[in-house]
Amino acid sequence: MSELLIRMSADTNIGKREDQEDSVNASRPEIQQDVGVLCVVSDGVGGLKNGKEASQLVVDTMVSTFYKSSIGDTPEQILLRGAALAQEAVRGIQKKPGECGATLVAALIRQGRCSFLSIGDSRIYLYRGGSLVLLTRSQNRARRLDVQIGLGYMPEGARTDNKRDALTGYVGMEKLSQADRSSHSFSVGPGDRIALMTDGVFGTLTEDEITEIMGLPEEEVACTMIDRTVEKGNPYQDNCTVAVMDCTLAETEEGGS
């Protein structure tokens, strides 16, 4: 009898920044057959205070919420509750509204099905059969402008806006009202990989480069992703973090007399 096993790996680099404001956390692997496995990545919002503290609060709160959840809770309920508590936790360390914040991407795999949630502009990719699929949509001015342009509107300065990367949603903002998430889980199987990463990675590597790296042996994916990012030599390289959930088969013995 075979069961799906999720193996985790992650790597990170400070880049050319003075502080590392990315954080990553995951649930304990030994409990995954009972309750599933959760992986979370967060990036402190640039230009705001206490980015490291905010991102660490986000990932730790999400994992803690997962541990405290009931077996009857759906993955979607767990992710939304975790995000709400993370929002509360980050707001709790602010001396004034919105002074610190962080992005959030989280993936939860249980019984061969994956659910995800995203706030901000960090990303989740699915790698399957040699192809890369972006699962999340960034919450920033660029996406909002692109939607308006697609509907036939041309806001003044839209094509030359130098604040296109400014976030319109992040954990800790005063009126957080949006979260990009899967309304229903999707099936995953052996050979599938889920990658969670901050903008320091996908802002430097092309999707073709990310796809190539995702096809490497599982023990090489995370470290190679970060190595290739740093090797680009971007003088303004942001903190870069990637976590990979690798779906494999675990052989188990069937009981018998």
Foldseek 3Di string as FASTA:
>chain_A
DKAKAKDKDKDWDAFLDPDFLKDKDKEDRVCCQPQFIKIKIKGKDPPAPPSNVLNVLLRVLLRVLSVPDDSPDDPVRSNVVSLVVSLVVLLVVDPDAPRIFMWMWMWTDHRQWIKIKTWAAWWKWKFDPLDIDTDWDHQFQLVVQVVCVVVPDHPPCSVPDPRRRHGPTTRRHPDHDDMTIDPDIGGDAAPMKMKTKGCLQCVQDPVVVLSVLSPDPPVRRNVVSVVVSSVSVDNPRHIIMMMMIHIHMDDDDDDDD
